[in-house]
Amino acid sequence: MTEIGEQITHPVLKEYSNEIIGLPSCRLSTTPVTYPEAVSEMEAHIAAMRTGEHDELLWFLEHPPLYTAGTGAQESDLLSPEKFPVFKSGRGGQFTYHGPGQRVVYVMLDLNQRGRDVRRFVQQLQNWIINALNECGLQTRTDSANIGVWVDRPDLGENRADKIAAIGVRLRKWISFHGISINVSPDLSHFNGIIPCGIADQNVTSLQALGMDISMTELDAALIKTFQTSFE
């Protein structure tokens, strides 16, 4: 289990710290973090943000295999409850999977300073993922009916699109927590235990499944590099 003291300042920051003004603190957990531990730490961090003791934070991590149920989750969408631990989450959305090979970034930002606009904030998160993946050489897009980021797959069928990244956030007194997840190289069969985000015919993909050899560090660098322009 990763303890608070095992988190380090993200090494990629050294490359961009002098180039990006206003970038939040970026922390990296180098071993998988359990979901209850992550929620507890996020709760503590945003509470300290309200009193001015902590600044904004982007927390880069991976989880051990697990399912989380957002506030809109339907029990019928949990197909294999015995497969992995299941946690109820205060974030928006429905069921999702987290596990090794998936980059999770928990986003603790003060929307009191950035604009109290939930729709715009979600769009900024989507744009951030799209811009970072574009930096890695992959063209992605949003979907008018569903939150997240998608890859068109004309090679697999007309109008086929696979989901590569998910978004689930919560706001408390206009401070955000929870965040985004991007599939780098997870075991995609682990998604079979749920109906992801309540979409029965949804196809999930990853950078690895698309034949892209992108490391976590390379993705993190792209996320850090594109953050500021994505949230302007």
C-alpha atoms as a PDB file:
ATOM      1  CA  MET A   1       0.000   0.000   0.000  1.00  0.00           C
ATOM      2  CA  THR A   2       1.289   3.449  -0.876  1.00  0.00           C
ATOM      3  CA  GLU A   3       1.516   5.741   2.120  1.00  0.00           C
ATOM      4  CA  ILE A   4       1.358   9.528   1.936  1.00  0.00           C
ATOM      5  CA  GLY A   5       5.075   9.793   2.528  1.00  0.00           C
ATOM      6  CA  GLU A   6       5.847   7.584  -0.498  1.00  0.00           C
ATOM      7  CA  GLN A   7       4.380  10.103  -2.915  1.00  0.00           C
ATOM      8  CA  ILE A   8       6.980  12.130  -4.758  1.00  0.00           C
ATOM      9  CA  THR A   9       6.910  15.325  -6.741  1.00  0.00           C
ATOM     10  CA  HIS A  10       6.398  14.204 -10.320  1.00  0.00           C
ATOM     11  CA  PRO A  11       9.862  13.940 -11.934  1.00  0.00           C
ATOM     12  CA  VAL A  12       8.488  15.250 -15.248  1.00  0.00           C
ATOM     13  CA  LEU A  13       7.938  18.627 -13.562  1.00  0.00           C
ATOM     14  CA  LYS A  14      11.678  19.289 -13.711  1.00  0.00           C
ATOM     15  CA  GLU A  15      11.441  19.485 -17.495  1.00  0.00           C
ATOM     16  CA  TYR A  16       8.492  21.868 -17.612  1.00  0.00           C
ATOM     17  CA  SER A  17       8.611  23.804 -14.328  1.00  0.00           C
ATOM     18  CA  ASN A  18      10.232  26.833 -15.951  1.00  0.00           C
ATOM     19  CA  GLU A  19       8.019  26.759 -19.026  1.00  0.00           C
ATOM     20  CA  ILE A  20       4.510  26.506 -17.559  1.00  0.00           C
ATOM     21  CA  ILE A  21       3.323  29.304 -15.285  1.00  0.00           C
ATOM     22  CA  GLY A  22       0.441  28.464 -12.955  1.00  0.00           C
ATOM     23  CA  LEU A  23       0.748  24.677 -13.193  1.00  0.00           C
ATOM     24  CA  PRO A  24      -0.627  23.028 -10.021  1.00  0.00           C
ATOM     25  CA  SER A  25       1.573  20.817  -7.886  1.00  0.00           C
ATOM     26  CA  CYS A  26       1.952  17.374  -9.471  1.00  0.00           C
ATOM     27  CA  ARG A  27       2.416  14.321  -7.265  1.00  0.00           C
ATOM     28  CA  LEU A  28       3.234  10.782  -8.363  1.00  0.00           C
ATOM     29  CA  SER A  29       2.503   7.603  -6.423  1.00  0.00           C
ATOM     30  CA  THR A  30       4.957   4.960  -7.539  1.00  0.00           C
ATOM     31  CA  THR A  31       3.002   1.902  -6.328  1.00  0.00           C
ATOM     32  CA  PRO A  32      -0.744   1.151  -6.594  1.00  0.00           C
ATOM     33  CA  VAL A  33      -2.965   3.090  -4.211  1.00  0.00           C
ATOM     34  CA  THR A  34      -6.070   1.467  -2.723  1.00  0.00           C
ATOM     35  CA  TYR A  35      -9.322   3.244  -3.490  1.00  0.00           C
ATOM     36  CA  PRO A  36     -10.317   3.981   0.144  1.00  0.00           C
ATOM     37  CA  GLU A  37      -6.876   5.436   0.777  1.00  0.00           C
ATOM     38  CA  ALA A  38      -7.131   7.653  -2.301  1.00  0.00           C
ATOM     39  CA  VAL A  39     -10.569   8.964  -1.329  1.00  0.00           C
ATOM     40  CA  SER A  40      -9.423   9.655   2.225  1.00  0.00           C
ATOM     41  CA  GLU A  41      -6.409  11.591   1.033  1.00  0.00           C
ATOM     42  CA  MET A  42      -8.417  13.586  -1.508  1.00  0.00           C
ATOM     43  CA  GLU A  43     -10.948  14.502   1.174  1.00  0.00           C
ATOM     44  CA  ALA A  44      -8.175  15.688   3.468  1.00  0.00           C
ATOM     45  CA  HIS A  45      -6.461  17.647   0.711  1.00  0.00           C
ATOM     46  CA  ILE A  46      -9.520  19.577  -0.457  1.00  0.00           C
ATOM     47  CA  ALA A  47     -10.439  20.349   3.161  1.00  0.00           C
ATOM     48  CA  ALA A  48      -6.981  21.864   3.579  1.00  0.00           C
ATOM     49  CA  MET A  49      -7.405  23.772   0.314  1.00  0.00           C
ATOM     50  CA  ARG A  50     -10.489  25.473   1.744  1.00  0.00           C
ATOM     51  CA  THR A  51      -8.459  26.778   4.685  1.00  0.00           C
ATOM     52  CA  GLY A  52      -5.519  27.804   2.525  1.00  0.00           C
ATOM     53  CA  GLU A  53      -3.170  25.152   3.923  1.00  0.00           C
ATOM     54  CA  HIS A  54      -2.821  23.282   0.607  1.00  0.00           C
ATOM     55  CA  ASP A  55      -2.617  24.425  -3.006  1.00  0.00           C
ATOM     56  CA  GLU A  56      -4.167  22.835  -6.086  1.00  0.00           C
ATOM     57  CA  LEU A  57      -2.934  19.339  -6.877  1.00  0.00           C
ATOM     58  CA  LEU A  58      -2.783  16.862  -9.740  1.00  0.00           C
ATOM     59  CA  TRP A  59      -2.208  13.383  -8.303  1.00  0.00           C
ATOM     60  CA  PHE A  60      -0.903  10.766 -10.764  1.00  0.00           C
ATOM     61  CA  LEU A  61      -1.428   7.156  -9.684  1.00  0.00           C
ATOM     62  CA  GLU A  62      -2.599   3.641 -10.479  1.00  0.00           C
ATOM     63  CA  HIS A  63      -5.062   1.489  -8.528  1.00  0.00           C
ATOM     64  CA  PRO A  64      -5.089  -2.265  -7.962  1.00  0.00           C
ATOM     65  CA  PRO A  65      -7.947  -3.913  -9.929  1.00  0.00           C
ATOM     66  CA  LEU A  66     -11.337  -2.653  -8.694  1.00  0.00           C
ATOM     67  CA  TYR A  67     -14.734  -1.374  -9.751  1.00  0.00           C
ATOM     68  CA  THR A  68     -16.267   1.887  -8.586  1.00  0.00           C
ATOM     69  CA  ALA A  69     -19.916   2.891  -8.696  1.00  0.00           C
ATOM     70  CA  GLY A  70     -20.636   6.565  -9.308  1.00  0.00           C
ATOM     71  CA  THR A  71     -23.740   8.370  -8.108  1.00  0.00           C
ATOM     72  CA  GLY A  72     -25.664   7.302 -11.226  1.00  0.00           C
ATOM     73  CA  ALA A  73     -24.702   3.611 -11.135  1.00  0.00           C
ATOM     74  CA  GLN A  74     -27.335   0.909 -11.674  1.00  0.00           C
ATOM     75  CA  GLU A  75     -26.802  -2.401  -9.852  1.00  0.00           C
ATOM     76  CA  SER A  76     -27.752  -4.275 -13.005  1.00  0.00           C
ATOM     77  CA  ASP A  77     -24.629  -2.857 -14.679  1.00  0.00           C
ATOM     78  CA  LEU A  78     -22.391  -4.791 -12.264  1.00  0.00           C
ATOM     79  CA  LEU A  79     -22.147  -8.090 -14.118  1.00  0.00           C
ATOM     80  CA  SER A  80     -19.472  -9.840 -12.019  1.00  0.00           C
ATOM     81  CA  PRO A  81     -19.582  -8.515  -8.445  1.00  0.00           C
ATOM     82  CA  GLU A  82     -17.223 -11.254  -7.272  1.00  0.00           C
ATOM     83  CA  LYS A  83     -14.497 -10.421  -9.823  1.00  0.00           C
ATOM     84  CA  PHE A  84     -12.893  -7.455  -8.018  1.00  0.00           C
ATOM     85  CA  PRO A  85     -13.609  -5.276  -4.967  1.00  0.00           C
ATOM     86  CA  VAL A  86     -16.479  -2.849  -5.571  1.00  0.00           C
ATOM     87  CA  PHE A  87     -16.551   0.624  -4.026  1.00  0.00           C
ATOM     88  CA  LYS A  88     -19.306   3.215  -3.955  1.00  0.00           C
ATOM     89  CA  SER A  89     -17.949   6.550  -5.068  1.00  0.00           C
ATOM     90  CA  GLY A  90     -19.194  10.097  -4.614  1.00  0.00           C
ATOM     91  CA  ARG A  91     -18.102  11.046  -8.131  1.00  0.00           C
ATOM     92  CA  GLY A  92     -20.540  11.489 -10.960  1.00  0.00           C
ATOM     93  CA  GLY A  93     -21.125   8.746 -13.498  1.00  0.00           C
ATOM     94  CA  GLN A  94     -21.834   5.039 -13.319  1.00  0.00           C
ATOM     95  CA  PHE A  95     -19.659   1.914 -13.031  1.00  0.00           C
ATOM     96  CA  THR A  96     -16.053   2.018 -14.118  1.00  0.00           C
ATOM     97  CA  TYR A  97     -12.941  -0.100 -13.783  1.00  0.00           C
ATOM     98  CA  HIS A  98      -9.546   0.968 -12.454  1.00  0.00           C
ATOM     99  CA  GLY A  99      -6.408  -1.123 -12.438  1.00  0.00           C
ATOM    100  CA  PRO A 100      -2.730  -1.453 -13.321  1.00  0.00           C
ATOM    101  CA  GLY A 101      -1.819  -0.034 -16.706  1.00  0.00           C
ATOM    102  CA  GLN A 102      -4.381   2.736 -16.404  1.00  0.00           C
ATOM    103  CA  ARG A 103      -3.248   6.265 -15.619  1.00  0.00           C
ATOM    104  CA  VAL A 104      -5.525   7.882 -13.085  1.00  0.00           C
ATOM    105  CA  VAL A 105      -5.128  11.585 -12.373  1.00  0.00           C
ATOM    106  CA  TYR A 106      -7.083  12.975  -9.445  1.00  0.00           C
ATOM    107  CA  VAL A 107      -7.707  16.635 -10.092  1.00  0.00           C
ATOM    108  CA  MET A 108      -8.022  18.922  -7.070  1.00  0.00           C
ATOM    109  CA  LEU A 109      -8.659  22.389  -8.491  1.00  0.00           C
ATOM    110  CA  ASP A 110     -10.300  25.493  -7.062  1.00  0.00           C
ATOM    111  CA  LEU A 111     -13.117  26.498  -9.385  1.00  0.00           C
ATOM    112  CA  ASN A 112     -13.762  29.529  -7.214  1.00  0.00           C
ATOM    113  CA  GLN A 113     -10.658  30.902  -8.922  1.00  0.00           C
ATOM    114  CA  ARG A 114     -11.095  29.176 -12.272  1.00  0.00           C
ATOM    115  CA  GLY A 115     -14.770  29.909 -12.887  1.00  0.00           C
ATOM    116  CA  ARG A 116     -17.825  28.254 -11.382  1.00  0.00           C
ATOM    117  CA  ASP A 117     -18.957  26.482 -14.525  1.00  0.00           C
ATOM    118  CA  VAL A 118     -19.359  22.704 -14.267  1.00  0.00           C
ATOM    119  CA  ARG A 119     -20.047  22.148 -17.968  1.00  0.00           C
ATOM    120  CA  ARG A 120     -16.966  24.153 -18.945  1.00  0.00           C
ATOM    121  CA  PHE A 121     -14.851  22.268 -16.405  1.00  0.00           C
ATOM    122  CA  VAL A 122     -15.824  18.877 -17.847  1.00  0.00           C
ATOM    123  CA  GLN A 123     -15.095  20.184 -21.346  1.00  0.00           C
ATOM    124  CA  GLN A 124     -11.678  21.343 -20.158  1.00  0.00           C
ATOM    125  CA  LEU A 125     -10.933  17.886 -18.747  1.00  0.00           C
ATOM    126  CA  GLN A 126     -11.946  16.291 -22.049  1.00  0.00           C
ATOM    127  CA  ASN A 127      -9.835  18.779 -24.008  1.00  0.00           C
ATOM    128  CA  TRP A 128      -6.889  18.091 -21.712  1.00  0.00           C
ATOM    129  CA  ILE A 129      -7.030  14.357 -22.456  1.00  0.00           C
ATOM    130  CA  ILE A 130      -7.458  14.964 -26.197  1.00  0.00           C
ATOM    131  CA  ASN A 131      -4.539  17.404 -26.295  1.00  0.00           C
ATOM    132  CA  ALA A 132      -2.275  15.066 -24.318  1.00  0.00           C
ATOM    133  CA  LEU A 133      -3.101  12.060 -26.499  1.00  0.00           C
ATOM    134  CA  ASN A 134      -2.546  14.183 -29.589  1.00  0.00           C
ATOM    135  CA  GLU A 135       0.895  15.023 -28.161  1.00  0.00           C
ATOM    136  CA  CYS A 136       1.466  11.246 -28.010  1.00  0.00           C
ATOM    137  CA  GLY A 137       0.439  10.851 -31.649  1.00  0.00           C
ATOM    138  CA  LEU A 138      -3.174   9.671 -31.253  1.00  0.00           C
ATOM    139  CA  GLN A 139      -6.196  11.517 -32.628  1.00  0.00           C
ATOM    140  CA  THR A 140      -9.225  11.296 -30.320  1.00  0.00           C
ATOM    141  CA  ARG A 141     -12.531  13.086 -29.892  1.00  0.00           C
ATOM    142  CA  THR A 142     -15.482  13.686 -27.620  1.00  0.00           C
ATOM    143  CA  ASP A 143     -18.930  12.189 -28.140  1.00  0.00           C
ATOM    144  CA  SER A 144     -22.030  14.382 -28.178  1.00  0.00           C
ATOM    145  CA  ALA A 145     -24.037  11.878 -26.121  1.00  0.00           C
ATOM    146  CA  ASN A 146     -21.459  10.611 -23.630  1.00  0.00           C
ATOM    147  CA  ILE A 147     -18.748  12.075 -21.428  1.00  0.00           C
ATOM    148  CA  GLY A 148     -15.246  10.755 -22.048  1.00  0.00           C
ATOM    149  CA  VAL A 149     -12.770  10.515 -24.911  1.00  0.00           C
ATOM    150  CA  TRP A 150     -13.100   8.221 -27.912  1.00  0.00           C
ATOM    151  CA  VAL A 151     -11.061   6.827 -30.809  1.00  0.00           C
ATOM    152  CA  ASP A 152     -12.676   6.300 -34.200  1.00  0.00           C
ATOM    153  CA  ARG A 153     -12.137   2.714 -35.449  1.00  0.00           C
ATOM    154  CA  PRO A 154     -13.209   2.576 -39.122  1.00  0.00           C
ATOM    155  CA  ASP A 155     -10.976  -0.491 -39.454  1.00  0.00           C
ATOM    156  CA  LEU A 156     -13.393  -2.405 -37.216  1.00  0.00           C
ATOM    157  CA  GLY A 157     -16.690  -1.179 -38.594  1.00  0.00           C
ATOM    158  CA  GLU A 158     -18.654   1.768 -39.889  1.00  0.00           C
ATOM    159  CA  ASN A 159     -19.265   4.391 -37.184  1.00  0.00           C
ATOM    160  CA  ARG A 160     -17.278   2.298 -34.663  1.00  0.00           C
ATOM    161  CA  ALA A 161     -15.622   4.270 -31.863  1.00  0.00           C
ATOM    162  CA  ASP A 162     -13.840   2.876 -28.800  1.00  0.00           C
ATOM    163  CA  LYS A 163     -13.516   4.635 -25.472  1.00  0.00           C
ATOM    164  CA  ILE A 164      -9.978   5.268 -24.271  1.00  0.00           C
ATOM    165  CA  ALA A 165     -10.523   7.653 -21.353  1.00  0.00           C
ATOM    166  CA  ALA A 166     -13.172   8.308 -18.719  1.00  0.00           C
ATOM    167  CA  ILE A 167     -14.062  11.309 -16.563  1.00  0.00           C
ATOM    168  CA  GLY A 168     -15.765  11.291 -13.173  1.00  0.00           C
ATOM    169  CA  VAL A 169     -15.570  14.313 -10.891  1.00  0.00           C
ATOM    170  CA  ARG A 170     -17.160  15.749  -7.801  1.00  0.00           C
ATOM    171  CA  LEU A 171     -17.288  19.333  -6.560  1.00  0.00           C
ATOM    172  CA  ARG A 172     -17.460  20.429  -2.940  1.00  0.00           C
ATOM    173  CA  LYS A 173     -17.765  24.149  -2.362  1.00  0.00           C
ATOM    174  CA  TRP A 174     -16.445  24.523  -5.915  1.00  0.00           C
ATOM    175  CA  ILE A 175     -13.273  22.545  -5.263  1.00  0.00           C
ATOM    176  CA  SER A 176     -12.950  19.485  -7.500  1.00  0.00           C
ATOM    177  CA  PHE A 177     -11.775  15.990  -6.708  1.00  0.00           C
ATOM    178  CA  HIS A 178     -11.767  12.561  -8.357  1.00  0.00           C
ATOM    179  CA  GLY A 179     -10.787  13.090 -12.005  1.00  0.00           C
ATOM    180  CA  ILE A 180      -9.754  11.237 -15.158  1.00  0.00           C
ATOM    181  CA  SER A 181      -8.494   7.818 -16.224  1.00  0.00           C
ATOM    182  CA  ILE A 182      -6.668   6.949 -19.451  1.00  0.00           C
ATOM    183  CA  ASN A 183      -6.115   3.382 -20.648  1.00  0.00           C
ATOM    184  CA  VAL A 184      -2.428   2.886 -21.375  1.00  0.00           C
ATOM    185  CA  SER A 185      -1.991  -0.898 -21.071  1.00  0.00           C
ATOM    186  CA  PRO A 186      -4.633  -2.339 -18.717  1.00  0.00           C
ATOM    187  CA  ASP A 187      -6.094  -5.829 -19.066  1.00  0.00           C
ATOM    188  CA  LEU A 188      -9.148  -4.871 -21.122  1.00  0.00           C
ATOM    189  CA  SER A 189     -10.925  -8.123 -20.202  1.00  0.00           C
ATOM    190  CA  HIS A 190     -11.361  -6.639 -16.710  1.00  0.00           C
ATOM    191  CA  PHE A 191     -13.958  -4.261 -18.145  1.00  0.00           C
ATOM    192  CA  ASN A 192     -16.166  -7.294 -18.909  1.00  0.00           C
ATOM    193  CA  GLY A 193     -17.373  -7.441 -15.305  1.00  0.00           C
ATOM    194  CA  ILE A 194     -19.363  -4.223 -15.714  1.00  0.00           C
ATOM    195  CA  ILE A 195     -21.300  -2.271 -18.286  1.00  0.00           C
ATOM    196  CA  PRO A 196     -18.876   0.657 -18.443  1.00  0.00           C
ATOM    197  CA  CYS A 197     -20.611   3.971 -17.811  1.00  0.00           C
ATOM    198  CA  GLY A 198     -23.952   2.251 -18.434  1.00  0.00           C
ATOM    199  CA  ILE A 199     -23.378   1.893 -22.189  1.00  0.00           C
ATOM    200  CA  ALA A 200     -24.181  -1.701 -23.101  1.00  0.00           C
ATOM    201  CA  ASP A 201     -22.553  -1.659 -26.543  1.00  0.00           C
ATOM    202  CA  GLN A 202     -19.512   0.346 -25.498  1.00  0.00           C
ATOM    203  CA  ASN A 203     -16.122  -0.831 -26.713  1.00  0.00           C
ATOM    204  CA  VAL A 204     -13.082   0.000 -24.577  1.00  0.00           C
ATOM    205  CA  THR A 205      -9.548   0.291 -25.925  1.00  0.00           C
ATOM    206  CA  SER A 206      -6.071   1.310 -24.804  1.00  0.00           C
ATOM    207  CA  LEU A 207      -2.908   2.782 -26.246  1.00  0.00           C
ATOM    208  CA  GLN A 208      -1.373  -0.694 -26.184  1.00  0.00           C
ATOM    209  CA  ALA A 209      -4.350  -2.268 -27.970  1.00  0.00           C
ATOM    210  CA  LEU A 210      -4.016   0.395 -30.656  1.00  0.00           C
ATOM    211  CA  GLY A 211      -0.410  -0.642 -31.192  1.00  0.00           C
ATOM    212  CA  MET A 212       1.074   2.436 -29.540  1.00  0.00           C
ATOM    213  CA  ASP A 213       4.117   1.923 -27.341  1.00  0.00           C
ATOM    214  CA  ILE A 214       3.600   4.877 -24.974  1.00  0.00           C
ATOM    215  CA  SER A 215       4.869   4.640 -21.413  1.00  0.00           C
ATOM    216  CA  MET A 216       3.196   6.094 -18.338  1.00  0.00           C
ATOM    217  CA  THR A 217       6.023   8.618 -18.064  1.00  0.00           C
ATOM    218  CA  GLU A 218       5.531   9.729 -21.675  1.00  0.00           C
ATOM    219  CA  LEU A 219       1.796  10.137 -21.117  1.00  0.00           C
ATOM    220  CA  ASP A 220       2.408  12.028 -17.877  1.00  0.00           C
ATOM    221  CA  ALA A 221       4.783  14.364 -19.710  1.00  0.00           C
ATOM    222  CA  ALA A 222       2.107  15.046 -22.334  1.00  0.00           C
ATOM    223  CA  LEU A 223      -0.521  15.689 -19.646  1.00  0.00           C
ATOM    224  CA  ILE A 224       1.737  18.088 -17.759  1.00  0.00           C
ATOM    225  CA  LYS A 225       2.815  19.855 -20.949  1.00  0.00           C
ATOM    226  CA  THR A 226      -0.756  20.411 -22.194  1.00  0.00           C
ATOM    227  CA  PHE A 227      -2.487  21.197 -18.880  1.00  0.00           C
ATOM    228  CA  GLN A 228      -2.229  24.976 -18.855  1.00  0.00           C
ATOM    229  CA  THR A 229      -3.401  25.558 -22.419  1.00  0.00           C
ATOM    230  CA  SER A 230      -6.271  23.104 -21.931  1.00  0.00           C
ATOM    231  CA  PHE A 231      -7.594  25.031 -18.942  1.00  0.00           C
ATOM    232  CA  GLU A 232      -7.267  28.563 -20.268  1.00  0.00           C
END
